[in-house]
Amino acid sequence: MKTTINKFLILFFALLTASSAFGLKQDKKVVKTAFKVSGTCGFCEKRIEMAAQIKGVKYAEWDKHTKVLEVFYKPSQTDEESIHEAVAEAGHDTEKVKASDRSYEKLPSCCAYRDGAHVH
């Protein structure tokens, strides 16, 4: 009887540990994406990176020369479309979402990028 209880407890804790580890592994899953974002300068860089830092985003970096935003995020908390929308809301066009005219017009003049307005 005592042996059966010990085996049951060992099996129970082994299953509990395995299920906990599996759950943590799923929660820690992070994916990488990269996409073009329009902008011109260091001010744009800061604004774009800050806008991309929505819940679930672990890292965001925009390169002003290549115009590529690299993002690492948890798909359990956000998705790529939400990141595009957040960046566009800050006034910067992405590959998938164009910023509204209202958001774009709020940008400083040095950050104007549409219709060849500012070339670096």
PDB file of N, CA and C in Angstrom:
ATOM      1  N   MET A   1       0.811  -1.186   0.000  1.00  0.00           N
ATOM      2  CA  MET A   1       0.000   0.000   0.000  1.00  0.00           C
ATOM      3  C   MET A   1       0.863   1.261   0.000  1.00  0.00           C
ATOM      4  N   LYS A   2       1.878   1.267   0.876  1.00  0.00           N
ATOM      5  CA  LYS A   2       2.766   2.411   0.963  1.00  0.00           C
ATOM      6  C   LYS A   2       3.517   2.597  -0.350  1.00  0.00           C
ATOM      7  N   THR A   3       3.926   1.529  -0.988  1.00  0.00           N
ATOM      8  CA  THR A   3       4.623   1.580  -2.271  1.00  0.00           C
ATOM      9  C   THR A   3       3.716   2.145  -3.358  1.00  0.00           C
ATOM     10  N   THR A   4       2.472   1.768  -3.353  1.00  0.00           N
ATOM     11  CA  THR A   4       1.518   2.265  -4.336  1.00  0.00           C
ATOM     12  C   THR A   4       1.310   3.770  -4.162  1.00  0.00           C
ATOM     13  N   ILE A   5       1.209   4.221  -2.947  1.00  0.00           N
ATOM     14  CA  ILE A   5       1.038   5.648  -2.676  1.00  0.00           C
ATOM     15  C   ILE A   5       2.280   6.415  -3.116  1.00  0.00           C
ATOM     16  N   ASN A   6       3.466   5.882  -2.835  1.00  0.00           N
ATOM     17  CA  ASN A   6       4.717   6.522  -3.243  1.00  0.00           C
ATOM     18  C   ASN A   6       4.806   6.620  -4.767  1.00  0.00           C
ATOM     19  N   LYS A   7       4.446   5.539  -5.457  1.00  0.00           N
ATOM     20  CA  LYS A   7       4.474   5.553  -6.925  1.00  0.00           C
ATOM     21  C   LYS A   7       3.482   6.583  -7.465  1.00  0.00           C
ATOM     22  N   PHE A   8       2.305   6.631  -6.839  1.00  0.00           N
ATOM     23  CA  PHE A   8       1.289   7.596  -7.263  1.00  0.00           C
ATOM     24  C   PHE A   8       1.795   9.027  -7.074  1.00  0.00           C
ATOM     25  N   LEU A   9       2.409   9.308  -5.932  1.00  0.00           N
ATOM     26  CA  LEU A   9       2.924  10.647  -5.660  1.00  0.00           C
ATOM     27  C   LEU A   9       4.043  11.021  -6.627  1.00  0.00           C
ATOM     28  N   ILE A  10       4.916  10.090  -6.902  1.00  0.00           N
ATOM     29  CA  ILE A  10       6.006  10.341  -7.855  1.00  0.00           C
ATOM     30  C   ILE A  10       5.437  10.636  -9.233  1.00  0.00           C
ATOM     31  N   LEU A  11       4.499   9.827  -9.672  1.00  0.00           N
ATOM     32  CA  LEU A  11       3.865  10.037 -10.971  1.00  0.00           C
ATOM     33  C   LEU A  11       3.125  11.380 -11.006  1.00  0.00           C
ATOM     34  N   PHE A  12       2.409  11.689  -9.932  1.00  0.00           N
ATOM     35  CA  PHE A  12       1.665  12.946  -9.857  1.00  0.00           C
ATOM     36  C   PHE A  12       2.606  14.147  -9.986  1.00  0.00           C
ATOM     37  N   PHE A  13       3.696  14.156  -9.219  1.00  0.00           N
ATOM     38  CA  PHE A  13       4.629  15.281  -9.270  1.00  0.00           C
ATOM     39  C   PHE A  13       5.374  15.345 -10.603  1.00  0.00           C
ATOM     40  N   ALA A  14       5.649  14.197 -11.190  1.00  0.00           N
ATOM     41  CA  ALA A  14       6.285  14.189 -12.508  1.00  0.00           C
ATOM     42  C   ALA A  14       5.363  14.806 -13.549  1.00  0.00           C
ATOM     43  N   LEU A  15       4.095  14.434 -13.528  1.00  0.00           N
ATOM     44  CA  LEU A  15       3.130  15.010 -14.465  1.00  0.00           C
ATOM     45  C   LEU A  15       2.918  16.492 -14.204  1.00  0.00           C
ATOM     46  N   LEU A  16       2.856  16.885 -12.958  1.00  0.00           N
ATOM     47  CA  LEU A  16       2.686  18.284 -12.599  1.00  0.00           C
ATOM     48  C   LEU A  16       3.865  19.117 -13.096  1.00  0.00           C
ATOM     49  N   THR A  17       5.077  18.619 -12.888  1.00  0.00           N
ATOM     50  CA  THR A  17       6.275  19.308 -13.344  1.00  0.00           C
ATOM     51  C   THR A  17       6.300  19.403 -14.862  1.00  0.00           C
ATOM     52  N   ALA A  18       5.970  18.311 -15.534  1.00  0.00           N
ATOM     53  CA  ALA A  18       5.972  18.301 -16.998  1.00  0.00           C
ATOM     54  C   ALA A  18       4.935  19.266 -17.552  1.00  0.00           C
ATOM     55  N   SER A  19       3.748  19.291 -16.989  1.00  0.00           N
ATOM     56  CA  SER A  19       2.711  20.193 -17.492  1.00  0.00           C
ATOM     57  C   SER A  19       3.069  21.640 -17.205  1.00  0.00           C
ATOM     58  N   SER A  20       3.685  21.916 -16.074  1.00  0.00           N
ATOM     59  CA  SER A  20       4.115  23.278 -15.756  1.00  0.00           C
ATOM     60  C   SER A  20       5.206  23.729 -16.709  1.00  0.00           C
ATOM     61  N   ALA A  21       6.159  22.869 -16.972  1.00  0.00           N
ATOM     62  CA  ALA A  21       7.243  23.205 -17.888  1.00  0.00           C
ATOM     63  C   ALA A  21       6.699  23.447 -19.284  1.00  0.00           C
ATOM     64  N   PHE A  22       5.755  22.637 -19.723  1.00  0.00           N
ATOM     65  CA  PHE A  22       5.166  22.811 -21.044  1.00  0.00           C
ATOM     66  C   PHE A  22       4.433  24.145 -21.125  1.00  0.00           C
ATOM     67  N   GLY A  23       3.697  24.488 -20.095  1.00  0.00           N
ATOM     68  CA  GLY A  23       2.974  25.754 -20.060  1.00  0.00           C
ATOM     69  C   GLY A  23       3.910  26.947 -20.100  1.00  0.00           C
ATOM     70  N   LEU A  24       5.001  26.891 -19.380  1.00  0.00           N
ATOM     71  CA  LEU A  24       5.974  27.971 -19.393  1.00  0.00           C
ATOM     72  C   LEU A  24       6.642  28.092 -20.751  1.00  0.00           C
ATOM     73  N   LYS A  25       6.939  26.970 -21.353  1.00  0.00           N
ATOM     74  CA  LYS A  25       7.588  26.992 -22.660  1.00  0.00           C
ATOM     75  C   LYS A  25       6.678  27.682 -23.682  1.00  0.00           C
ATOM     76  N   GLN A  26       5.406  27.394 -23.663  1.00  0.00           N
ATOM     77  CA  GLN A  26       4.458  28.014 -24.579  1.00  0.00           C
ATOM     78  C   GLN A  26       4.387  29.514 -24.335  1.00  0.00           C
ATOM     79  N   ASP A  27       4.371  29.917 -23.073  1.00  0.00           N
ATOM     80  CA  ASP A  27       4.251  31.321 -22.730  1.00  0.00           C
ATOM     81  C   ASP A  27       5.482  32.117 -23.142  1.00  0.00           C
ATOM     82  N   LYS A  28       6.635  31.473 -23.179  1.00  0.00           N
ATOM     83  CA  LYS A  28       7.874  32.154 -23.511  1.00  0.00           C
ATOM     84  C   LYS A  28       8.130  32.230 -25.013  1.00  0.00           C
ATOM     85  N   LYS A  29       7.274  31.652 -25.828  1.00  0.00           N
ATOM     86  CA  LYS A  29       7.486  31.647 -27.265  1.00  0.00           C
ATOM     87  C   LYS A  29       7.476  33.079 -27.799  1.00  0.00           C
ATOM     88  N   VAL A  30       8.534  33.425 -28.497  1.00  0.00           N
ATOM     89  CA  VAL A  30       8.675  34.747 -29.095  1.00  0.00           C
ATOM     90  C   VAL A  30       8.983  34.547 -30.573  1.00  0.00           C
ATOM     91  N   VAL A  31       8.322  35.334 -31.417  1.00  0.00           N
ATOM     92  CA  VAL A  31       8.588  35.263 -32.847  1.00  0.00           C
ATOM     93  C   VAL A  31       9.177  36.587 -33.326  1.00  0.00           C
ATOM     94  N   LYS A  32       9.862  36.512 -34.427  1.00  0.00           N
ATOM     95  CA  LYS A  32      10.512  37.687 -35.013  1.00  0.00           C
ATOM     96  C   LYS A  32       9.819  38.033 -36.317  1.00  0.00           C
ATOM     97  N   THR A  33       9.647  39.315 -36.544  1.00  0.00           N
ATOM     98  CA  THR A  33       9.150  39.789 -37.825  1.00  0.00           C
ATOM     99  C   THR A  33       9.921  41.050 -38.188  1.00  0.00           C
ATOM    100  N   ALA A  34       9.923  41.384 -39.444  1.00  0.00           N
ATOM    101  CA  ALA A  34      10.569  42.608 -39.913  1.00  0.00           C
ATOM    102  C   ALA A  34       9.770  43.131 -41.092  1.00  0.00           C
ATOM    103  N   PHE A  35       9.576  44.443 -41.128  1.00  0.00           N
ATOM    104  CA  PHE A  35       8.831  45.042 -42.225  1.00  0.00           C
ATOM    105  C   PHE A  35       9.241  46.502 -42.404  1.00  0.00           C
ATOM    106  N   LYS A  36       8.974  47.023 -43.591  1.00  0.00           N
ATOM    107  CA  LYS A  36       9.316  48.401 -43.933  1.00  0.00           C
ATOM    108  C   LYS A  36       8.372  49.365 -43.222  1.00  0.00           C
ATOM    109  N   VAL A  37       8.960  50.462 -42.745  1.00  0.00           N
ATOM    110  CA  VAL A  37       8.208  51.556 -42.136  1.00  0.00           C
ATOM    111  C   VAL A  37       8.803  52.859 -42.662  1.00  0.00           C
ATOM    112  N   SER A  38       7.954  53.745 -43.162  1.00  0.00           N
ATOM    113  CA  SER A  38       8.417  55.028 -43.695  1.00  0.00           C
ATOM    114  C   SER A  38       8.795  55.974 -42.567  1.00  0.00           C
ATOM    115  N   GLY A  39       9.915  56.673 -42.776  1.00  0.00           N
ATOM    116  CA  GLY A  39      10.422  57.645 -41.817  1.00  0.00           C
ATOM    117  C   GLY A  39      11.704  58.231 -42.359  1.00  0.00           C
ATOM    118  N   THR A  40      12.259  59.228 -41.664  1.00  0.00           N
ATOM    119  CA  THR A  40      13.430  59.905 -42.207  1.00  0.00           C
ATOM    120  C   THR A  40      14.608  60.076 -41.255  1.00  0.00           C
ATOM    121  N   CYS A  41      14.330  60.200 -39.943  1.00  0.00           N
ATOM    122  CA  CYS A  41      15.407  60.660 -39.069  1.00  0.00           C
ATOM    123  C   CYS A  41      15.397  59.960 -37.704  1.00  0.00           C
ATOM    124  N   GLY A  42      16.268  60.445 -36.839  1.00  0.00           N
ATOM    125  CA  GLY A  42      16.362  59.898 -35.491  1.00  0.00           C
ATOM    126  C   GLY A  42      15.101  60.103 -34.667  1.00  0.00           C
ATOM    127  N   PHE A  43      14.402  61.210 -34.900  1.00  0.00           N
ATOM    128  CA  PHE A  43      13.126  61.424 -34.209  1.00  0.00           C
ATOM    129  C   PHE A  43      12.118  60.372 -34.640  1.00  0.00           C
ATOM    130  N   CYS A  44      12.111  60.072 -35.950  1.00  0.00           N
ATOM    131  CA  CYS A  44      11.224  59.015 -36.464  1.00  0.00           C
ATOM    132  C   CYS A  44      11.578  57.687 -35.808  1.00  0.00           C
ATOM    133  N   GLU A  45      12.873  57.420 -35.714  1.00  0.00           N
ATOM    134  CA  GLU A  45      13.334  56.161 -35.126  1.00  0.00           C
ATOM    135  C   GLU A  45      12.772  55.981 -33.722  1.00  0.00           C
ATOM    136  N   LYS A  46      12.902  56.993 -32.897  1.00  0.00           N
ATOM    137  CA  LYS A  46      12.397  56.901 -31.526  1.00  0.00           C
ATOM    138  C   LYS A  46      10.882  56.721 -31.508  1.00  0.00           C
ATOM    139  N   ARG A  47      10.181  57.495 -32.345  1.00  0.00           N
ATOM    140  CA  ARG A  47       8.719  57.422 -32.378  1.00  0.00           C
ATOM    141  C   ARG A  47       8.239  56.052 -32.845  1.00  0.00           C
ATOM    142  N   ILE A  48       8.856  55.525 -33.895  1.00  0.00           N
ATOM    143  CA  ILE A  48       8.478  54.222 -34.451  1.00  0.00           C
ATOM    144  C   ILE A  48       8.717  53.113 -33.425  1.00  0.00           C
ATOM    145  N   GLU A  49       9.897  53.132 -32.823  1.00  0.00           N
ATOM    146  CA  GLU A  49      10.224  52.098 -31.829  1.00  0.00           C
ATOM    147  C   GLU A  49       9.307  52.174 -30.617  1.00  0.00           C
ATOM    148  N   MET A  50       8.986  53.375 -30.165  1.00  0.00           N
ATOM    149  CA  MET A  50       8.077  53.531 -29.021  1.00  0.00           C
ATOM    150  C   MET A  50       6.670  53.067 -29.392  1.00  0.00           C
ATOM    151  N   ALA A  51       6.217  53.412 -30.584  1.00  0.00           N
ATOM    152  CA  ALA A  51       4.870  53.026 -31.019  1.00  0.00           C
ATOM    153  C   ALA A  51       4.744  51.511 -31.119  1.00  0.00           C
ATOM    154  N   ALA A  52       5.818  50.854 -31.520  1.00  0.00           N
ATOM    155  CA  ALA A  52       5.802  49.394 -31.682  1.00  0.00           C
ATOM    156  C   ALA A  52       5.796  48.663 -30.345  1.00  0.00           C
ATOM    157  N   GLN A  53       6.126  49.334 -29.267  1.00  0.00           N
ATOM    158  CA  GLN A  53       6.224  48.703 -27.950  1.00  0.00           C
ATOM    159  C   GLN A  53       4.851  48.509 -27.296  1.00  0.00           C
ATOM    160  N   ILE A  54       3.973  47.814 -27.993  1.00  0.00           N
ATOM    161  CA  ILE A  54       2.668  47.495 -27.425  1.00  0.00           C
ATOM    162  C   ILE A  54       2.794  46.232 -26.572  1.00  0.00           C
ATOM    163  N   LYS A  55       1.743  45.901 -25.836  1.00  0.00           N
ATOM    164  CA  LYS A  55       1.775  44.717 -24.977  1.00  0.00           C
ATOM    165  C   LYS A  55       2.124  43.482 -25.810  1.00  0.00           C
ATOM    166  N   GLY A  56       3.099  42.723 -25.337  1.00  0.00           N
ATOM    167  CA  GLY A  56       3.531  41.508 -26.013  1.00  0.00           C
ATOM    168  C   GLY A  56       4.795  41.686 -26.830  1.00  0.00           C
ATOM    169  N   VAL A  57       5.163  42.924 -27.125  1.00  0.00           N
ATOM    170  CA  VAL A  57       6.391  43.190 -27.888  1.00  0.00           C
ATOM    171  C   VAL A  57       7.555  43.232 -26.907  1.00  0.00           C
ATOM    172  N   LYS A  58       8.575  42.452 -27.217  1.00  0.00           N
ATOM    173  CA  LYS A  58       9.740  42.368 -26.339  1.00  0.00           C
ATOM    174  C   LYS A  58      10.896  43.239 -26.813  1.00  0.00           C
ATOM    175  N   TYR A  59      10.933  43.518 -28.122  1.00  0.00           N
ATOM    176  CA  TYR A  59      12.052  44.279 -28.687  1.00  0.00           C
ATOM    177  C   TYR A  59      11.607  44.869 -30.015  1.00  0.00           C
ATOM    178  N   ALA A  60      11.959  46.122 -30.262  1.00  0.00           N
ATOM    179  CA  ALA A  60      11.666  46.754 -31.541  1.00  0.00           C
ATOM    180  C   ALA A  60      12.805  47.698 -31.891  1.00  0.00           C
ATOM    181  N   GLU A  61      13.329  47.579 -33.113  1.00  0.00           N
ATOM    182  CA  GLU A  61      14.408  48.448 -33.567  1.00  0.00           C
ATOM    183  C   GLU A  61      14.192  48.780 -35.037  1.00  0.00           C
ATOM    184  N   TRP A  62      14.205  50.094 -35.339  1.00  0.00           N
ATOM    185  CA  TRP A  62      14.026  50.575 -36.703  1.00  0.00           C
ATOM    186  C   TRP A  62      15.347  51.130 -37.216  1.00  0.00           C
ATOM    187  N   ASP A  63      15.722  50.754 -38.423  1.00  0.00           N
ATOM    188  CA  ASP A  63      16.949  51.237 -39.047  1.00  0.00           C
ATOM    189  C   ASP A  63      16.576  52.335 -40.043  1.00  0.00           C
ATOM    190  N   LYS A  64      17.039  53.554 -39.807  1.00  0.00           N
ATOM    191  CA  LYS A  64      16.649  54.675 -40.671  1.00  0.00           C
ATOM    192  C   LYS A  64      17.239  54.579 -42.072  1.00  0.00           C
ATOM    193  N   HIS A  65      18.271  53.791 -42.266  1.00  0.00           N
ATOM    194  CA  HIS A  65      18.876  53.645 -43.602  1.00  0.00           C
ATOM    195  C   HIS A  65      18.112  52.620 -44.443  1.00  0.00           C
ATOM    196  N   THR A  66      17.779  51.505 -43.845  1.00  0.00           N
ATOM    197  CA  THR A  66      17.056  50.458 -44.583  1.00  0.00           C
ATOM    198  C   THR A  66      15.545  50.621 -44.472  1.00  0.00           C
ATOM    199  N   LYS A  67      15.086  51.418 -43.498  1.00  0.00           N
ATOM    200  CA  LYS A  67      13.652  51.651 -43.227  1.00  0.00           C
ATOM    201  C   LYS A  67      12.946  50.375 -42.770  1.00  0.00           C
ATOM    202  N   VAL A  68      13.699  49.466 -42.156  1.00  0.00           N
ATOM    203  CA  VAL A  68      13.137  48.190 -41.700  1.00  0.00           C
ATOM    204  C   VAL A  68      13.009  48.200 -40.180  1.00  0.00           C
ATOM    205  N   LEU A  69      11.818  47.826 -39.712  1.00  0.00           N
ATOM    206  CA  LEU A  69      11.554  47.665 -38.288  1.00  0.00           C
ATOM    207  C   LEU A  69      11.626  46.181 -37.970  1.00  0.00           C
ATOM    208  N   GLU A  70      12.488  45.830 -37.036  1.00  0.00           N
ATOM    209  CA  GLU A  70      12.623  44.444 -36.580  1.00  0.00           C
ATOM    210  C   GLU A  70      11.948  44.350 -35.221  1.00  0.00           C
ATOM    211  N   VAL A  71      11.050  43.372 -35.083  1.00  0.00           N
ATOM    212  CA  VAL A  71      10.263  43.238 -33.861  1.00  0.00           C
ATOM    213  C   VAL A  71      10.256  41.791 -33.388  1.00  0.00           C
ATOM    214  N   PHE A  72      10.434  41.605 -32.088  1.00  0.00           N
ATOM    215  CA  PHE A  72      10.274  40.311 -31.443  1.00  0.00           C
ATOM    216  C   PHE A  72       9.064  40.435 -30.528  1.00  0.00           C
ATOM    217  N   TYR A  73       8.100  39.513 -30.670  1.00  0.00           N
ATOM    218  CA  TYR A  73       6.875  39.607 -29.889  1.00  0.00           C
ATOM    219  C   TYR A  73       6.332  38.235 -29.538  1.00  0.00           C
ATOM    220  N   LYS A  74       5.445  38.228 -28.524  1.00  0.00           N
ATOM    221  CA  LYS A  74       4.778  37.001 -28.089  1.00  0.00           C
ATOM    222  C   LYS A  74       3.442  36.898 -28.826  1.00  0.00           C
ATOM    223  N   PRO A  75       3.270  35.896 -29.674  1.00  0.00           N
ATOM    224  CA  PRO A  75       1.998  35.757 -30.387  1.00  0.00           C
ATOM    225  C   PRO A  75       0.819  35.454 -29.476  1.00  0.00           C
ATOM    226  N   SER A  76       1.078  35.044 -28.255  1.00  0.00           N
ATOM    227  CA  SER A  76      -0.010  34.811 -27.310  1.00  0.00           C
ATOM    228  C   SER A  76      -0.569  36.131 -26.770  1.00  0.00           C
ATOM    229  N   GLN A  77       0.152  37.244 -27.005  1.00  0.00           N
ATOM    230  CA  GLN A  77      -0.274  38.530 -26.474  1.00  0.00           C
ATOM    231  C   GLN A  77      -0.586  39.576 -27.541  1.00  0.00           C
ATOM    232  N   THR A  78      -0.034  39.426 -28.734  1.00  0.00           N
ATOM    233  CA  THR A  78      -0.276  40.379 -29.811  1.00  0.00           C
ATOM    234  C   THR A  78      -0.024  39.706 -31.145  1.00  0.00           C
ATOM    235  N   ASP A  79      -0.219  40.456 -32.227  1.00  0.00           N
ATOM    236  CA  ASP A  79       0.068  39.916 -33.555  1.00  0.00           C
ATOM    237  C   ASP A  79       0.695  41.004 -34.421  1.00  0.00           C
ATOM    238  N   GLU A  80       1.182  40.597 -35.568  1.00  0.00           N
ATOM    239  CA  GLU A  80       1.889  41.529 -36.442  1.00  0.00           C
ATOM    240  C   GLU A  80       0.979  42.674 -36.900  1.00  0.00           C
ATOM    241  N   GLU A  81      -0.270  42.369 -37.197  1.00  0.00           N
ATOM    242  CA  GLU A  81      -1.216  43.400 -37.651  1.00  0.00           C
ATOM    243  C   GLU A  81      -1.370  44.499 -36.593  1.00  0.00           C
ATOM    244  N   SER A  82      -1.432  44.141 -35.334  1.00  0.00           N
ATOM    245  CA  SER A  82      -1.560  45.129 -34.256  1.00  0.00           C
ATOM    246  C   SER A  82      -0.337  46.039 -34.176  1.00  0.00           C
ATOM    247  N   ILE A  83       0.826  45.490 -34.459  1.00  0.00           N
ATOM    248  CA  ILE A  83       2.059  46.286 -34.447  1.00  0.00           C
ATOM    249  C   ILE A  83       2.026  47.277 -35.608  1.00  0.00           C
ATOM    250  N   HIS A  84       1.623  46.811 -36.797  1.00  0.00           N
ATOM    251  CA  HIS A  84       1.489  47.707 -37.954  1.00  0.00           C
ATOM    252  C   HIS A  84       0.535  48.854 -37.613  1.00  0.00           C
ATOM    253  N   GLU A  85      -0.595  48.536 -37.019  1.00  0.00           N
ATOM    254  CA  GLU A  85      -1.605  49.547 -36.693  1.00  0.00           C
ATOM    255  C   GLU A  85      -1.074  50.562 -35.672  1.00  0.00           C
ATOM    256  N   ALA A  86      -0.331  50.098 -34.682  1.00  0.00           N
ATOM    257  CA  ALA A  86       0.218  50.999 -33.662  1.00  0.00           C
ATOM    258  C   ALA A  86       1.229  51.963 -34.276  1.00  0.00           C
ATOM    259  N   VAL A  87       2.063  51.467 -35.174  1.00  0.00           N
ATOM    260  CA  VAL A  87       3.057  52.320 -35.832  1.00  0.00           C
ATOM    261  C   VAL A  87       2.365  53.332 -36.747  1.00  0.00           C
ATOM    262  N   ALA A  88       1.361  52.887 -37.478  1.00  0.00           N
ATOM    263  CA  ALA A  88       0.613  53.787 -38.360  1.00  0.00           C
ATOM    264  C   ALA A  88      -0.115  54.858 -37.548  1.00  0.00           C
ATOM    265  N   GLU A  89      -0.615  54.495 -36.392  1.00  0.00           N
ATOM    266  CA  GLU A  89      -1.296  55.461 -35.527  1.00  0.00           C
ATOM    267  C   GLU A  89      -0.350  56.570 -35.080  1.00  0.00           C
ATOM    268  N   ALA A  90       0.944  56.261 -35.011  1.00  0.00           N
ATOM    269  CA  ALA A  90       1.951  57.254 -34.631  1.00  0.00           C
ATOM    270  C   ALA A  90       2.351  58.130 -35.817  1.00  0.00           C
ATOM    271  N   GLY A  91       1.794  57.857 -37.011  1.00  0.00           N
ATOM    272  CA  GLY A  91       2.049  58.709 -38.170  1.00  0.00           C
ATOM    273  C   GLY A  91       2.955  58.125 -39.227  1.00  0.00           C
ATOM    274  N   HIS A  92       3.334  56.869 -39.099  1.00  0.00           N
ATOM    275  CA  HIS A  92       4.275  56.259 -40.039  1.00  0.00           C
ATOM    276  C   HIS A  92       3.619  55.127 -40.829  1.00  0.00           C
ATOM    277  N   ASP A  93       3.702  55.222 -42.156  1.00  0.00           N
ATOM    278  CA  ASP A  93       3.163  54.179 -43.030  1.00  0.00           C
ATOM    279  C   ASP A  93       3.995  52.916 -42.882  1.00  0.00           C
ATOM    280  N   THR A  94       3.322  51.759 -42.894  1.00  0.00           N
ATOM    281  CA  THR A  94       4.020  50.474 -42.912  1.00  0.00           C
ATOM    282  C   THR A  94       3.658  49.771 -44.213  1.00  0.00           C
ATOM    283  N   GLU A  95       4.226  48.607 -44.417  1.00  0.00           N
ATOM    284  CA  GLU A  95       3.922  47.823 -45.620  1.00  0.00           C
ATOM    285  C   GLU A  95       2.435  47.490 -45.721  1.00  0.00           C
ATOM    286  N   LYS A  96       1.777  47.330 -44.586  1.00  0.00           N
ATOM    287  CA  LYS A  96       0.390  46.864 -44.579  1.00  0.00           C
ATOM    288  C   LYS A  96      -0.635  47.931 -44.189  1.00  0.00           C
ATOM    289  N   VAL A  97      -0.209  48.947 -43.449  1.00  0.00           N
ATOM    290  CA  VAL A  97      -1.156  49.939 -42.944  1.00  0.00           C
ATOM    291  C   VAL A  97      -0.624  51.343 -43.215  1.00  0.00           C
ATOM    292  N   LYS A  98      -1.449  52.160 -43.865  1.00  0.00           N
ATOM    293  CA  LYS A  98      -1.085  53.550 -44.121  1.00  0.00           C
ATOM    294  C   LYS A  98      -1.584  54.405 -42.958  1.00  0.00           C
ATOM    295  N   ALA A  99      -0.732  55.298 -42.480  1.00  0.00           N
ATOM    296  CA  ALA A  99      -1.125  56.205 -41.407  1.00  0.00           C
ATOM    297  C   ALA A  99      -2.220  57.140 -41.909  1.00  0.00           C
ATOM    298  N   SER A 100      -3.138  57.481 -41.048  1.00  0.00           N
ATOM    299  CA  SER A 100      -4.187  58.428 -41.427  1.00  0.00           C
ATOM    300  C   SER A 100      -3.536  59.784 -41.699  1.00  0.00           C
ATOM    301  N   ASP A 101      -4.191  60.594 -42.518  1.00  0.00           N
ATOM    302  CA  ASP A 101      -3.672  61.934 -42.791  1.00  0.00           C
ATOM    303  C   ASP A 101      -3.550  62.729 -41.501  1.00  0.00           C
ATOM    304  N   ARG A 102      -4.500  62.548 -40.612  1.00  0.00           N
ATOM    305  CA  ARG A 102      -4.483  63.254 -39.330  1.00  0.00           C
ATOM    306  C   ARG A 102      -3.233  62.891 -38.513  1.00  0.00           C
ATOM    307  N   SER A 103      -2.907  61.601 -38.434  1.00  0.00           N
ATOM    308  CA  SER A 103      -1.710  61.157 -37.692  1.00  0.00           C
ATOM    309  C   SER A 103      -0.442  61.662 -38.374  1.00  0.00           C
ATOM    310  N   TYR A 104      -0.416  61.584 -39.709  1.00  0.00           N
ATOM    311  CA  TYR A 104       0.770  62.011 -40.465  1.00  0.00           C
ATOM    312  C   TYR A 104       1.020  63.507 -40.284  1.00  0.00           C
ATOM    313  N   GLU A 105      -0.032  64.304 -40.296  1.00  0.00           N
ATOM    314  CA  GLU A 105       0.102  65.759 -40.180  1.00  0.00           C
ATOM    315  C   GLU A 105       0.618  66.194 -38.812  1.00  0.00           C
ATOM    316  N   LYS A 106       0.547  65.339 -37.816  1.00  0.00           N
ATOM    317  CA  LYS A 106       1.048  65.663 -36.476  1.00  0.00           C
ATOM    318  C   LYS A 106       2.573  65.521 -36.386  1.00  0.00           C
ATOM    319  N   LEU A 107       3.184  64.892 -37.391  1.00  0.00           N
ATOM    320  CA  LEU A 107       4.631  64.710 -37.361  1.00  0.00           C
ATOM    321  C   LEU A 107       5.345  66.044 -37.532  1.00  0.00           C
ATOM    322  N   PRO A 108       6.513  66.203 -36.917  1.00  0.00           N
ATOM    323  CA  PRO A 108       7.310  67.405 -37.156  1.00  0.00           C
ATOM    324  C   PRO A 108       7.707  67.474 -38.633  1.00  0.00           C
ATOM    325  N   SER A 109       7.992  68.656 -39.139  1.00  0.00           N
ATOM    326  CA  SER A 109       8.313  68.817 -40.563  1.00  0.00           C
ATOM    327  C   SER A 109       9.549  68.016 -40.980  1.00  0.00           C
ATOM    328  N   CYS A 110      10.483  67.818 -40.063  1.00  0.00           N
ATOM    329  CA  CYS A 110      11.690  67.047 -40.415  1.00  0.00           C
ATOM    330  C   CYS A 110      11.375  65.571 -40.638  1.00  0.00           C
ATOM    331  N   CYS A 111      10.198  65.144 -40.202  1.00  0.00           N
ATOM    332  CA  CYS A 111       9.814  63.739 -40.313  1.00  0.00           C
ATOM    333  C   CYS A 111       8.901  63.464 -41.511  1.00  0.00           C
ATOM    334  N   ALA A 112       8.607  64.506 -42.308  1.00  0.00           N
ATOM    335  CA  ALA A 112       7.745  64.329 -43.479  1.00  0.00           C
ATOM    336  C   ALA A 112       8.433  63.403 -44.482  1.00  0.00           C
ATOM    337  N   TYR A 113       7.720  62.394 -44.947  1.00  0.00           N
ATOM    338  CA  TYR A 113       8.315  61.422 -45.856  1.00  0.00           C
ATOM    339  C   TYR A 113       7.463  61.168 -47.099  1.00  0.00           C
ATOM    340  N   ARG A 114       6.233  61.596 -47.118  1.00  0.00           N
ATOM    341  CA  ARG A 114       5.344  61.308 -48.251  1.00  0.00           C
ATOM    342  C   ARG A 114       5.636  62.237 -49.433  1.00  0.00           C
ATOM    343  N   ASP A 115       5.429  61.706 -50.627  1.00  0.00           N
ATOM    344  CA  ASP A 115       5.555  62.467 -51.877  1.00  0.00           C
ATOM    345  C   ASP A 115       6.906  63.187 -51.989  1.00  0.00           C
ATOM    346  N   GLY A 116       7.966  62.524 -51.538  1.00  0.00           N
ATOM    347  CA  GLY A 116       9.309  63.094 -51.658  1.00  0.00           C
ATOM    348  C   GLY A 116       9.493  64.337 -50.821  1.00  0.00           C
ATOM    349  N   ALA A 117       8.698  64.513 -49.774  1.00  0.00           N
ATOM    350  CA  ALA A 117       8.737  65.712 -48.940  1.00  0.00           C
ATOM    351  C   ALA A 117      10.083  65.916 -48.265  1.00  0.00           C
ATOM    352  N   HIS A 118      10.736  64.845 -47.948  1.00  0.00           N
ATOM    353  CA  HIS A 118      12.004  64.947 -47.203  1.00  0.00           C
ATOM    354  C   HIS A 118      12.888  63.772 -47.623  1.00  0.00           C
ATOM    355  N   VAL A 119      14.052  64.074 -48.113  1.00  0.00           N
ATOM    356  CA  VAL A 119      14.948  63.004 -48.541  1.00  0.00           C
ATOM    357  C   VAL A 119      16.229  63.064 -47.751  1.00  0.00           C
ATOM    358  N   HIS A 120      16.586  61.928 -47.160  1.00  0.00           N
ATOM    359  CA  HIS A 120      17.858  61.817 -46.413  1.00  0.00           C
ATOM    360  C   HIS A 120      18.802  60.961 -47.184  1.00  0.00           C
TER     361      HIS A 120
END
